[in-house]
C-alpha atoms as a PDB file:
ATOM      1  CA  MET A   1     -32.109  33.258 -14.909  1.00  0.00           C
ATOM      2  CA  THR A   2     -28.904  31.602 -16.101  1.00  0.00           C
ATOM      3  CA  THR A   3     -25.835  31.507 -13.841  1.00  0.00           C
ATOM      4  CA  TRP A   4     -22.595  31.696 -15.847  1.00  0.00           C
ATOM      5  CA  ILE A   5     -19.409  30.109 -14.531  1.00  0.00           C
ATOM      6  CA  GLY A   6     -16.258  31.343 -16.272  1.00  0.00           C
ATOM      7  CA  ARG A   7     -14.090  28.252 -16.233  1.00  0.00           C
ATOM      8  CA  ILE A   8     -10.340  28.220 -16.878  1.00  0.00           C
ATOM      9  CA  GLU A   9      -9.739  24.622 -17.861  1.00  0.00           C
ATOM     10  CA  PRO A  10      -6.232  23.227 -17.254  1.00  0.00           C
ATOM     11  CA  SER A  11      -6.211  20.337 -19.719  1.00  0.00           C
ATOM     12  CA  MET A  12      -6.469  20.322 -23.478  1.00  0.00           C
ATOM     13  CA  TRP A  13      -8.786  17.330 -22.893  1.00  0.00           C
ATOM     14  CA  MET A  14     -11.854  19.248 -21.840  1.00  0.00           C
ATOM     15  CA  GLU A  15     -13.423  18.356 -18.509  1.00  0.00           C
ATOM     16  CA  GLY A  16     -16.787  19.762 -19.618  1.00  0.00           C
ATOM     17  CA  PRO A  17     -18.597  16.389 -19.752  1.00  0.00           C
ATOM     18  CA  TRP A  18     -18.103  15.807 -16.019  1.00  0.00           C
ATOM     19  CA  TRP A  19     -19.338  19.337 -15.276  1.00  0.00           C
ATOM     20  CA  HIS A  20     -22.362  18.986 -17.547  1.00  0.00           C
ATOM     21  CA  ASP A  21     -23.280  15.732 -15.818  1.00  0.00           C
ATOM     22  CA  VAL A  22     -23.483  17.609 -12.516  1.00  0.00           C
ATOM     23  CA  LEU A  23     -24.677  21.139 -13.324  1.00  0.00           C
ATOM     24  CA  PRO A  24     -28.365  22.067 -13.231  1.00  0.00           C
ATOM     25  CA  ASP A  25     -29.927  23.263 -16.496  1.00  0.00           C
ATOM     26  CA  ASP A  26     -29.863  26.902 -15.387  1.00  0.00           C
ATOM     27  CA  VAL A  27     -26.068  26.933 -14.902  1.00  0.00           C
ATOM     28  CA  ARG A  28     -23.785  27.195 -17.929  1.00  0.00           C
ATOM     29  CA  LEU A  29     -20.050  27.345 -18.598  1.00  0.00           C
ATOM     30  CA  ALA A  30     -17.839  29.767 -20.504  1.00  0.00           C
ATOM     31  CA  VAL A  31     -14.593  27.820 -20.948  1.00  0.00           C
ATOM     32  CA  LEU A  32     -11.004  28.779 -21.768  1.00  0.00           C
ATOM     33  CA  SER A  33      -8.206  26.188 -21.798  1.00  0.00           C
ATOM     34  CA  LEU A  34      -4.610  26.309 -20.554  1.00  0.00           C
ATOM     35  CA  GLY A  35      -3.690  23.363 -22.795  1.00  0.00           C
ATOM     36  CA  VAL A  36      -1.907  21.053 -20.324  1.00  0.00           C
ATOM     37  CA  ARG A  37      -1.059  17.683 -21.907  1.00  0.00           C
ATOM     38  CA  ARG A  38       1.274  16.112 -19.354  1.00  0.00           C
ATOM     39  CA  LEU A  39       1.524  16.566 -15.599  1.00  0.00           C
ATOM     40  CA  VAL A  40       5.138  17.678 -15.711  1.00  0.00           C
ATOM     41  CA  ASP A  41       6.582  21.005 -14.586  1.00  0.00           C
ATOM     42  CA  GLU A  42       7.361  22.202 -18.109  1.00  0.00           C
ATOM     43  CA  ASP A  43       3.704  21.986 -19.168  1.00  0.00           C
ATOM     44  CA  LEU A  44       2.482  23.365 -15.848  1.00  0.00           C
ATOM     45  CA  GLU A  45       4.752  26.434 -16.083  1.00  0.00           C
ATOM     46  CA  ILE A  46       3.413  27.284 -19.540  1.00  0.00           C
ATOM     47  CA  ALA A  47      -0.150  26.973 -18.240  1.00  0.00           C
ATOM     48  CA  HIS A  48       0.521  29.014 -15.103  1.00  0.00           C
ATOM     49  CA  ALA A  49       1.814  31.930 -17.167  1.00  0.00           C
ATOM     50  CA  GLN A  50      -1.536  32.183 -18.995  1.00  0.00           C
ATOM     51  CA  ILE A  51      -3.845  32.376 -15.991  1.00  0.00           C
ATOM     52  CA  LEU A  52      -4.110  36.127 -15.469  1.00  0.00           C
ATOM     53  CA  ASP A  53      -4.831  36.886 -19.120  1.00  0.00           C
ATOM     54  CA  LYS A  54      -7.592  34.244 -19.083  1.00  0.00           C
ATOM     55  CA  VAL A  55      -9.044  35.817 -15.937  1.00  0.00           C
ATOM     56  CA  SER A  56      -9.134  39.209 -17.654  1.00  0.00           C
ATOM     57  CA  SER A  57     -10.904  37.707 -20.682  1.00  0.00           C
ATOM     58  CA  LEU A  58     -13.615  36.099 -18.567  1.00  0.00           C
ATOM     59  CA  ASP A  59     -14.011  39.244 -16.503  1.00  0.00           C
ATOM     60  CA  ALA A  60     -14.596  41.224 -19.689  1.00  0.00           C
ATOM     61  CA  GLU A  61     -17.315  38.742 -20.744  1.00  0.00           C
ATOM     62  CA  GLY A  62     -19.267  39.415 -17.565  1.00  0.00           C
ATOM     63  CA  VAL A  63     -19.515  35.918 -16.082  1.00  0.00           C
ATOM     64  CA  ASP A  64     -21.004  35.550 -12.590  1.00  0.00           C
ATOM     65  CA  VAL A  65     -18.031  33.736 -11.051  1.00  0.00           C
ATOM     66  CA  ILE A  66     -14.556  32.806 -12.281  1.00  0.00           C
ATOM     67  CA  ASN A  67     -13.055  29.377 -11.622  1.00  0.00           C
ATOM     68  CA  VAL A  68      -9.314  28.855 -12.117  1.00  0.00           C
ATOM     69  CA  GLY A  69      -9.003  25.103 -12.569  1.00  0.00           C
ATOM     70  CA  GLY A  70      -5.991  22.855 -12.363  1.00  0.00           C
ATOM     71  CA  SER A  71      -4.708  22.260  -8.836  1.00  0.00           C
ATOM     72  CA  PRO A  72      -1.270  21.156 -10.119  1.00  0.00           C
ATOM     73  CA  VAL A  73      -1.123  24.441 -12.071  1.00  0.00           C
ATOM     74  CA  VAL A  74      -2.222  26.822  -9.319  1.00  0.00           C
ATOM     75  CA  SER A  75      -0.122  25.037  -6.662  1.00  0.00           C
ATOM     76  CA  LEU A  76       2.967  24.763  -8.877  1.00  0.00           C
ATOM     77  CA  HIS A  77       4.955  27.197  -6.711  1.00  0.00           C
ATOM     78  CA  GLY A  78       3.686  25.953  -3.369  1.00  0.00           C
ATOM     79  CA  ARG A  79       1.430  27.642  -0.867  1.00  0.00           C
ATOM     80  CA  ALA A  80       3.215  30.991  -1.092  1.00  0.00           C
ATOM     81  CA  GLY A  81       2.957  30.918  -4.880  1.00  0.00           C
ATOM     82  CA  HIS A  82      -0.733  30.114  -4.677  1.00  0.00           C
ATOM     83  CA  ASP A  83      -1.274  33.017  -2.282  1.00  0.00           C
ATOM     84  CA  ARG A  84       0.488  35.348  -4.734  1.00  0.00           C
ATOM     85  CA  LEU A  85      -1.672  34.058  -7.564  1.00  0.00           C
ATOM     86  CA  VAL A  86      -4.861  34.692  -5.583  1.00  0.00           C
ATOM     87  CA  ALA A  87      -3.737  38.260  -4.896  1.00  0.00           C
ATOM     88  CA  ASP A  88      -2.892  38.789  -8.572  1.00  0.00           C
ATOM     89  CA  ILE A  89      -6.302  37.464  -9.657  1.00  0.00           C
ATOM     90  CA  ALA A  90      -8.027  39.790  -7.200  1.00  0.00           C
ATOM     91  CA  ALA A  91      -6.187  42.697  -8.821  1.00  0.00           C
ATOM     92  CA  ARG A  92      -7.587  41.668 -12.236  1.00  0.00           C
ATOM     93  CA  THR A  93     -11.254  41.215 -11.349  1.00  0.00           C
ATOM     94  CA  SER A  94     -13.852  42.353  -8.850  1.00  0.00           C
ATOM     95  CA  ARG A  95     -15.999  39.297  -9.598  1.00  0.00           C
ATOM     96  CA  PRO A  96     -16.185  36.339  -7.206  1.00  0.00           C
ATOM     97  CA  PHE A  97     -13.536  33.767  -8.065  1.00  0.00           C
ATOM     98  CA  VAL A  98     -12.087  30.554  -6.734  1.00  0.00           C
ATOM     99  CA  THR A  99      -9.098  28.411  -7.632  1.00  0.00           C
ATOM    100  CA  SER A 100      -9.393  24.651  -7.797  1.00  0.00           C
ATOM    101  CA  LEU A 101      -7.162  24.315  -4.750  1.00  0.00           C
ATOM    102  CA  GLN A 102      -9.292  26.712  -2.691  1.00  0.00           C
ATOM    103  CA  ALA A 103     -12.401  24.803  -3.755  1.00  0.00           C
ATOM    104  CA  GLU A 104     -10.942  21.446  -2.753  1.00  0.00           C
ATOM    105  CA  PHE A 105      -9.853  22.722   0.666  1.00  0.00           C
ATOM    106  CA  GLU A 106     -13.295  24.246   1.216  1.00  0.00           C
ATOM    107  CA  GLY A 107     -14.979  21.022   0.151  1.00  0.00           C
ATOM    108  CA  ILE A 108     -12.915  18.908   2.543  1.00  0.00           C
ATOM    109  CA  ARG A 109     -13.700  21.221   5.452  1.00  0.00           C
ATOM    110  CA  SER A 110     -17.376  21.602   4.481  1.00  0.00           C
ATOM    111  CA  VAL A 111     -17.942  17.893   5.100  1.00  0.00           C
ATOM    112  CA  GLY A 112     -15.983  17.993   8.360  1.00  0.00           C
ATOM    113  CA  GLY A 113     -12.841  16.355   7.016  1.00  0.00           C
ATOM    114  CA  SER A 114      -9.430  16.719   8.639  1.00  0.00           C
ATOM    115  CA  HIS A 115      -7.812  13.279   8.107  1.00  0.00           C
ATOM    116  CA  VAL A 116      -7.625  12.968   4.346  1.00  0.00           C
ATOM    117  CA  LEU A 117      -7.415   9.825   2.224  1.00  0.00           C
ATOM    118  CA  LEU A 118      -5.778  10.892  -1.039  1.00  0.00           C
ATOM    119  CA  ALA A 119      -6.763   8.662  -3.975  1.00  0.00           C
ATOM    120  CA  SER A 120      -4.748  10.241  -6.757  1.00  0.00           C
ATOM    121  CA  PRO A 121      -4.458   9.481 -10.471  1.00  0.00           C
ATOM    122  CA  TYR A 122      -1.346  11.685 -10.666  1.00  0.00           C
ATOM    123  CA  PRO A 123       2.280  10.616 -11.105  1.00  0.00           C
ATOM    124  CA  VAL A 124       3.923   9.780  -7.788  1.00  0.00           C
ATOM    125  CA  ALA A 125       5.862  13.060  -7.702  1.00  0.00           C
ATOM    126  CA  GLN A 126       2.682  15.098  -8.209  1.00  0.00           C
ATOM    127  CA  THR A 127       0.889  13.037  -5.567  1.00  0.00           C
ATOM    128  CA  ASP A 128       3.723  13.706  -3.109  1.00  0.00           C
ATOM    129  CA  ARG A 129       3.479  17.413  -3.936  1.00  0.00           C
ATOM    130  CA  ARG A 130      -0.239  17.345  -3.194  1.00  0.00           C
ATOM    131  CA  VAL A 131       0.444  15.747   0.198  1.00  0.00           C
ATOM    132  CA  THR A 132       2.765  18.650   1.007  1.00  0.00           C
ATOM    133  CA  VAL A 133       0.159  21.216  -0.064  1.00  0.00           C
ATOM    134  CA  LEU A 134      -2.512  19.562   2.083  1.00  0.00           C
ATOM    135  CA  GLU A 135      -0.228  19.450   5.099  1.00  0.00           C
ATOM    136  CA  GLU A 136       0.705  23.109   4.627  1.00  0.00           C
ATOM    137  CA  GLU A 137      -3.005  23.836   4.806  1.00  0.00           C
ATOM    138  CA  GLY A 138      -3.196  22.083   8.182  1.00  0.00           C
ATOM    139  CA  LEU A 139      -4.834  18.889   6.924  1.00  0.00           C
ATOM    140  CA  GLU A 140      -3.472  15.466   7.852  1.00  0.00           C
ATOM    141  CA  VAL A 141      -3.025  12.899   5.102  1.00  0.00           C
ATOM    142  CA  ALA A 142      -4.058   9.645   6.768  1.00  0.00           C
ATOM    143  CA  GLY A 143      -3.373   7.532   3.670  1.00  0.00           C
ATOM    144  CA  ARG A 144      -2.515   7.903   0.002  1.00  0.00           C
ATOM    145  CA  ASP A 145      -2.452   5.972  -3.244  1.00  0.00           C
ATOM    146  CA  SER A 146      -1.291   6.978  -6.731  1.00  0.00           C
ATOM    147  CA  LEU A 147      -2.246   5.524 -10.118  1.00  0.00           C
ATOM    148  CA  ASP A 148       0.929   7.175 -11.483  1.00  0.00           C
ATOM    149  CA  VAL A 149      -0.607   8.496 -14.742  1.00  0.00           C
ATOM    150  CA  GLU A 150       1.175  11.411 -16.424  1.00  0.00           C
ATOM    151  CA  ARG A 151      -0.902  12.272 -19.510  1.00  0.00           C
ATOM    152  CA  THR A 152      -4.190  14.066 -18.915  1.00  0.00           C
ATOM    153  CA  ARG A 153      -5.721  12.180 -21.851  1.00  0.00           C
ATOM    154  CA  ASP A 154      -4.953   8.875 -20.157  1.00  0.00           C
ATOM    155  CA  ILE A 155      -6.482  10.093 -16.882  1.00  0.00           C
ATOM    156  CA  ALA A 156      -9.642  11.127 -18.743  1.00  0.00           C
ATOM    157  CA  SER A 157      -9.822   7.625 -20.244  1.00  0.00           C
ATOM    158  CA  LEU A 158      -9.722   5.744 -16.935  1.00  0.00           C
ATOM    159  CA  ASP A 159     -12.574   3.384 -16.090  1.00  0.00           C
ATOM    160  CA  PRO A 160     -14.804   4.888 -13.341  1.00  0.00           C
ATOM    161  CA  ALA A 161     -15.098   1.415 -11.801  1.00  0.00           C
ATOM    162  CA  ALA A 162     -11.309   1.282 -11.362  1.00  0.00           C
ATOM    163  CA  ILE A 163     -11.352   4.725  -9.770  1.00  0.00           C
ATOM    164  CA  ALA A 164     -14.037   3.589  -7.331  1.00  0.00           C
ATOM    165  CA  ASP A 165     -12.033   0.459  -6.514  1.00  0.00           C
ATOM    166  CA  GLN A 166      -8.949   2.566  -5.744  1.00  0.00           C
ATOM    167  CA  ALA A 167     -10.869   4.831  -3.363  1.00  0.00           C
ATOM    168  CA  ILE A 168     -12.734   1.995  -1.635  1.00  0.00           C
ATOM    169  CA  SER A 169      -9.535  -0.026  -1.188  1.00  0.00           C
ATOM    170  CA  LEU A 170      -7.727   3.002   0.228  1.00  0.00           C
ATOM    171  CA  ALA A 171     -10.507   3.570   2.767  1.00  0.00           C
ATOM    172  CA  SER A 172     -10.375  -0.073   3.868  1.00  0.00           C
ATOM    173  CA  ARG A 173      -6.606   0.148   4.457  1.00  0.00           C
ATOM    174  CA  TYR A 174      -6.730   3.390   6.415  1.00  0.00           C
ATOM    175  CA  PRO A 175      -9.716   3.389   8.798  1.00  0.00           C
ATOM    176  CA  ASP A 176      -8.635   6.654  10.459  1.00  0.00           C
ATOM    177  CA  GLY A 177      -9.349   8.707   7.336  1.00  0.00           C
ATOM    178  CA  ASP A 178     -12.537  10.748   7.570  1.00  0.00           C
ATOM    179  CA  VAL A 179     -12.808  12.080   3.984  1.00  0.00           C
ATOM    180  CA  ILE A 180     -11.798  10.658   0.607  1.00  0.00           C
ATOM    181  CA  TYR A 181     -10.228  13.189  -1.744  1.00  0.00           C
ATOM    182  CA  LEU A 182      -9.875  12.454  -5.474  1.00  0.00           C
ATOM    183  CA  PRO A 183      -7.991  15.295  -7.209  1.00  0.00           C
ATOM    184  CA  CYS A 184      -7.787  16.064 -10.936  1.00  0.00           C
ATOM    185  CA  GLY A 185     -10.589  17.491 -13.038  1.00  0.00           C
ATOM    186  CA  SER A 186      -9.831  15.061 -15.880  1.00  0.00           C
ATOM    187  CA  LEU A 187     -10.727  12.127 -13.642  1.00  0.00           C
ATOM    188  CA  PRO A 188     -14.070  10.533 -14.679  1.00  0.00           C
ATOM    189  CA  VAL A 189     -15.280  10.021 -11.129  1.00  0.00           C
ATOM    190  CA  VAL A 190     -18.548  11.936 -10.694  1.00  0.00           C
ATOM    191  CA  SER A 191     -20.639   8.926 -11.754  1.00  0.00           C
ATOM    192  CA  VAL A 192     -19.262   6.795  -8.888  1.00  0.00           C
ATOM    193  CA  VAL A 193     -19.164   9.315  -6.022  1.00  0.00           C
ATOM    194  CA  GLU A 194     -22.391   7.950  -4.517  1.00  0.00           C
ATOM    195  CA  GLU A 195     -21.076   4.377  -4.813  1.00  0.00           C
ATOM    196  CA  ILE A 196     -17.840   5.268  -3.009  1.00  0.00           C
ATOM    197  CA  GLU A 197     -19.685   7.100  -0.234  1.00  0.00           C
ATOM    198  CA  ALA A 198     -22.130   4.213   0.234  1.00  0.00           C
ATOM    199  CA  SER A 199     -19.330   1.614   0.299  1.00  0.00           C
ATOM    200  CA  THR A 200     -17.010   3.476   2.676  1.00  0.00           C
ATOM    201  CA  GLY A 201     -19.360   5.555   4.835  1.00  0.00           C
ATOM    202  CA  ARG A 202     -17.116   8.548   4.194  1.00  0.00           C
ATOM    203  CA  PRO A 203     -17.799  11.762   2.275  1.00  0.00           C
ATOM    204  CA  VAL A 204     -16.050  12.095  -1.077  1.00  0.00           C
ATOM    205  CA  ILE A 205     -14.521  15.299  -2.438  1.00  0.00           C
ATOM    206  CA  THR A 206     -13.565  15.353  -6.102  1.00  0.00           C
ATOM    207  CA  ASN A 207     -12.017  18.170  -8.075  1.00  0.00           C
ATOM    208  CA  VAL A 208     -15.204  18.707 -10.079  1.00  0.00           C
ATOM    209  CA  THR A 209     -17.717  18.471  -7.239  1.00  0.00           C
ATOM    210  CA  ALA A 210     -15.601  20.783  -5.083  1.00  0.00           C
ATOM    211  CA  GLN A 211     -15.359  23.399  -7.822  1.00  0.00           C
ATOM    212  CA  VAL A 212     -19.049  23.203  -8.736  1.00  0.00           C
ATOM    213  CA  HIS A 213     -19.885  23.648  -5.047  1.00  0.00           C
ATOM    214  CA  ALA A 214     -17.491  26.560  -4.574  1.00  0.00           C
ATOM    215  CA  CYS A 215     -18.633  28.356  -7.718  1.00  0.00           C
ATOM    216  CA  LEU A 216     -22.341  28.004  -7.035  1.00  0.00           C
ATOM    217  CA  ILE A 217     -22.216  29.203  -3.459  1.00  0.00           C
ATOM    218  CA  ARG A 218     -20.199  32.242  -4.610  1.00  0.00           C
ATOM    219  CA  ALA A 219     -22.838  32.921  -7.250  1.00  0.00           C
ATOM    220  CA  GLY A 220     -25.598  32.755  -4.636  1.00  0.00           C
ATOM    221  CA  TYR A 221     -27.077  29.513  -5.970  1.00  0.00           C
ATOM    222  CA  ASP A 222     -29.187  27.991  -3.211  1.00  0.00           C
ATOM    223  CA  ARG A 223     -30.587  24.628  -4.373  1.00  0.00           C
ATOM    224  CA  PRO A 224     -29.046  21.237  -3.537  1.00  0.00           C
ATOM    225  CA  ILE A 225     -27.802  18.934  -6.288  1.00  0.00           C
ATOM    226  CA  ASP A 226     -28.607  15.261  -5.758  1.00  0.00           C
ATOM    227  CA  GLY A 227     -26.805  12.202  -7.060  1.00  0.00           C
ATOM    228  CA  TYR A 228     -23.171  13.289  -6.722  1.00  0.00           C
ATOM    229  CA  GLY A 229     -22.339  13.047  -3.053  1.00  0.00           C
ATOM    230  CA  ARG A 230     -22.811  14.753   0.260  1.00  0.00           C
ATOM    231  CA  LEU A 231     -21.050  18.006  -0.642  1.00  0.00           C
ATOM    232  CA  LEU A 232     -23.374  18.999  -3.494  1.00  0.00           C
ATOM    233  CA  ARG A 233     -26.440  17.983  -1.505  1.00  0.00           C
ATOM    234  CA  SER A 234     -25.400  20.602   1.065  1.00  0.00           C
ATOM    235  CA  ILE A 235     -25.805  23.584  -1.314  1.00  0.00           C
ATOM    236  CA  GLY A 236     -28.393  25.946   0.126  1.00  0.00           C
ATOM    237  CA  SER A 237     -27.681  24.923   3.712  1.00  0.00           C
ATOM    238  CA  GLN A 238     -24.730  27.289   4.111  1.00  0.00           C
ATOM    239  CA  PRO A 239     -24.289  31.029   3.524  1.00  0.00           C
ATOM    240  CA  ALA A 240     -23.269  32.293   0.089  1.00  0.00           C
ATOM    241  CA  LEU A 241     -19.709  33.467  -0.439  1.00  0.00           C
ATOM    242  CA  THR A 242     -19.037  36.630  -2.413  1.00  0.00           C
ATOM    243  CA  GLY A 243     -15.222  36.822  -2.480  1.00  0.00           C
ATOM    244  CA  ALA A 244     -12.299  34.650  -3.441  1.00  0.00           C
END
């Protein structure tokens, strides 16, 4: 039986390849895009305004779980704004759903993380905003680094080896961090998650692995996924979630 994830993609540069690298053959995507080109508030506002209509479209198609991607989009108006968005989504669909931000928080906590090392590709201002969002959630940011890239296309074109180097260097500078967090679904990082974990001894949470994990456990999927880090290997060892 095929499990269908209804994915609301933030970027116009589709993140599908990273998902297809990770997903088992019996899980497929139905994808709608919000069309973000640059990580600036103007683009993020336009994307945010489209979310609820996209949710309704995926609900009508009958997917098994809805994923609202784009942490900079869903967290644009801070924690209170994200909470309002979650309530508005719940009013549009009775299907299980999860935002990218919820998935990332869940992923960090699932591996026992509380002192976060933030290895961000985002512009400095967006990285600082993410620090605030993490702290509002009760997580401590033990160290941070930003590649300061604004265009989603440029993020998608980064060399995975450079991404691994950033994360490994950050972990060496901040030994108190207990989880490495790499935000942004456009980031081509899934191929080096195992390398980063092996080099640092710390679990790694990426935007894609966190969302795959959150979607599959909401859909009742109960088989581990190997090759992409500790979080996805844990699928099946924790109870399924049925709500947002």
